[in-house]
Amino acid sequence: MIFSTLVLIFIYAFWISLIGGTLTLFGFRLYFVLNKRFEIKKTLYILLMPCSIGFYQHITDKNALTKIYRVLVVLFFIAMFLASIFVLYMHLNLDLI
């Protein structure tokens, strides 16, 4: 019972981090780009660079939304770590239930 609940948490962490994390963080970056009116090269750099590299280089404001963005990055990193445990569990076929 407890182990199956843990596996269920890993599964939900996988889907939350894969779909929710990607769309949420991209939405935040899109919002910042539309409000700041960057040139097209910087806009594409902010939107498409992985791991929020473009965001951290070009968005220097320290307002509440940037703080929320940074907290979400940490939360989705934790969810992705839990999801990686699930993927490892499935890859190694650890049928412990």
Protein backbone atom coordinates (compact mmCIF):
# COMPACT_ATOMS: atom_id res chain seq x y z
CA MET A 1 0.00 0.00 0.00
CA ILE A 2 2.68 2.49 0.95
CA PHE A 3 4.96 1.47 -1.90
CA SER A 4 2.17 1.73 -4.46
CA THR A 5 1.37 5.22 -3.11
CA LEU A 6 5.01 6.16 -3.56
CA VAL A 7 4.98 4.91 -7.15
CA LEU A 8 1.78 6.90 -7.71
CA ILE A 9 3.54 10.04 -6.44
CA PHE A 10 6.40 9.37 -8.86
CA ILE A 11 3.95 8.99 -11.75
CA TYR A 12 2.17 12.24 -10.91
CA ALA A 13 5.52 14.01 -10.49
CA PHE A 14 6.49 12.81 -13.95
CA TRP A 15 3.38 14.21 -15.63
CA ILE A 16 3.37 17.43 -13.62
CA SER A 17 6.99 18.15 -14.42
CA LEU A 18 6.79 17.09 -18.06
CA ILE A 19 3.62 18.91 -19.08
CA GLY A 20 2.91 21.38 -16.31
CA GLY A 21 6.47 22.52 -15.79
CA THR A 22 7.23 23.04 -19.44
CA LEU A 23 4.06 24.97 -20.19
CA THR A 24 4.10 27.04 -17.01
CA LEU A 25 7.71 28.16 -17.32
CA PHE A 26 7.31 28.85 -21.03
CA GLY A 27 4.20 30.91 -20.26
CA PHE A 28 6.12 32.97 -17.72
CA ARG A 29 8.95 33.58 -20.19
CA LEU A 30 6.43 34.57 -22.88
CA TYR A 31 4.76 36.99 -20.47
CA PHE A 32 8.08 38.64 -19.62
CA VAL A 33 9.07 38.90 -23.29
CA LEU A 34 5.75 40.47 -24.29
CA ASN A 35 5.93 43.02 -21.46
CA LYS A 36 9.55 44.03 -22.05
CA ARG A 37 9.42 44.25 -25.87
CA PHE A 38 12.86 42.80 -26.57
CA GLU A 39 14.32 42.62 -30.06
CA ILE A 40 13.58 39.39 -31.92
CA LYS A 41 16.98 37.78 -31.32
CA LYS A 42 16.79 38.26 -27.54
CA THR A 43 13.15 37.19 -27.56
CA LEU A 44 13.97 33.88 -29.22
CA TYR A 45 16.96 33.44 -26.93
CA ILE A 46 14.80 33.93 -23.82
CA LEU A 47 11.99 31.71 -25.06
CA LEU A 48 13.93 28.80 -26.56
CA MET A 49 17.12 28.38 -24.54
CA PRO A 50 16.89 25.35 -22.24
CA CYS A 51 17.21 25.58 -18.46
CA SER A 52 16.06 29.23 -18.48
CA ILE A 53 19.52 30.44 -19.48
CA GLY A 54 18.13 33.25 -21.63
CA PHE A 55 15.73 34.30 -18.89
CA TYR A 56 18.47 34.59 -16.28
CA GLN A 57 20.75 36.53 -18.64
CA HIS A 58 18.30 39.09 -19.96
CA ILE A 59 15.59 39.52 -17.31
CA THR A 60 17.25 41.47 -14.52
CA ASP A 61 14.13 42.77 -12.75
CA LYS A 62 13.67 41.73 -9.14
CA ASN A 63 9.90 41.89 -8.84
CA ALA A 64 7.37 39.41 -7.46
CA LEU A 65 6.91 37.59 -10.78
CA THR A 66 10.61 36.85 -11.18
CA LYS A 67 10.65 35.52 -7.63
CA ILE A 68 7.64 33.30 -8.41
CA TYR A 69 9.42 32.11 -11.57
CA ARG A 70 12.53 31.17 -9.61
CA VAL A 71 10.48 29.30 -7.00
CA LEU A 72 8.64 27.43 -9.76
CA VAL A 73 11.95 26.43 -11.34
CA VAL A 74 13.03 24.88 -8.03
CA LEU A 75 9.68 23.13 -7.52
CA PHE A 76 9.68 21.67 -11.02
CA PHE A 77 13.29 20.57 -10.54
CA ILE A 78 12.24 18.64 -7.44
CA ALA A 79 9.30 17.13 -9.33
CA MET A 80 11.60 16.17 -12.19
CA PHE A 81 13.97 14.50 -9.73
CA LEU A 82 11.10 12.44 -8.34
CA ALA A 83 10.02 11.64 -11.89
CA SER A 84 13.52 10.43 -12.72
CA ILE A 85 13.25 7.93 -9.87
CA PHE A 86 10.06 6.62 -11.46
CA VAL A 87 11.72 6.32 -14.87
CA LEU A 88 14.63 4.47 -13.28
CA TYR A 89 12.15 2.18 -11.51
CA MET A 90 10.44 1.38 -14.82
CA HIS A 91 13.71 0.96 -16.73
CA LEU A 92 15.16 -1.54 -14.28
CA ASN A 93 11.84 -3.44 -14.03
CA LEU A 94 11.88 -3.33 -10.25
CA ASP A 95 8.65 -5.17 -9.60
CA LEU A 96 8.70 -4.88 -5.83
CA ILE A 97 4.97 -4.64 -5.28
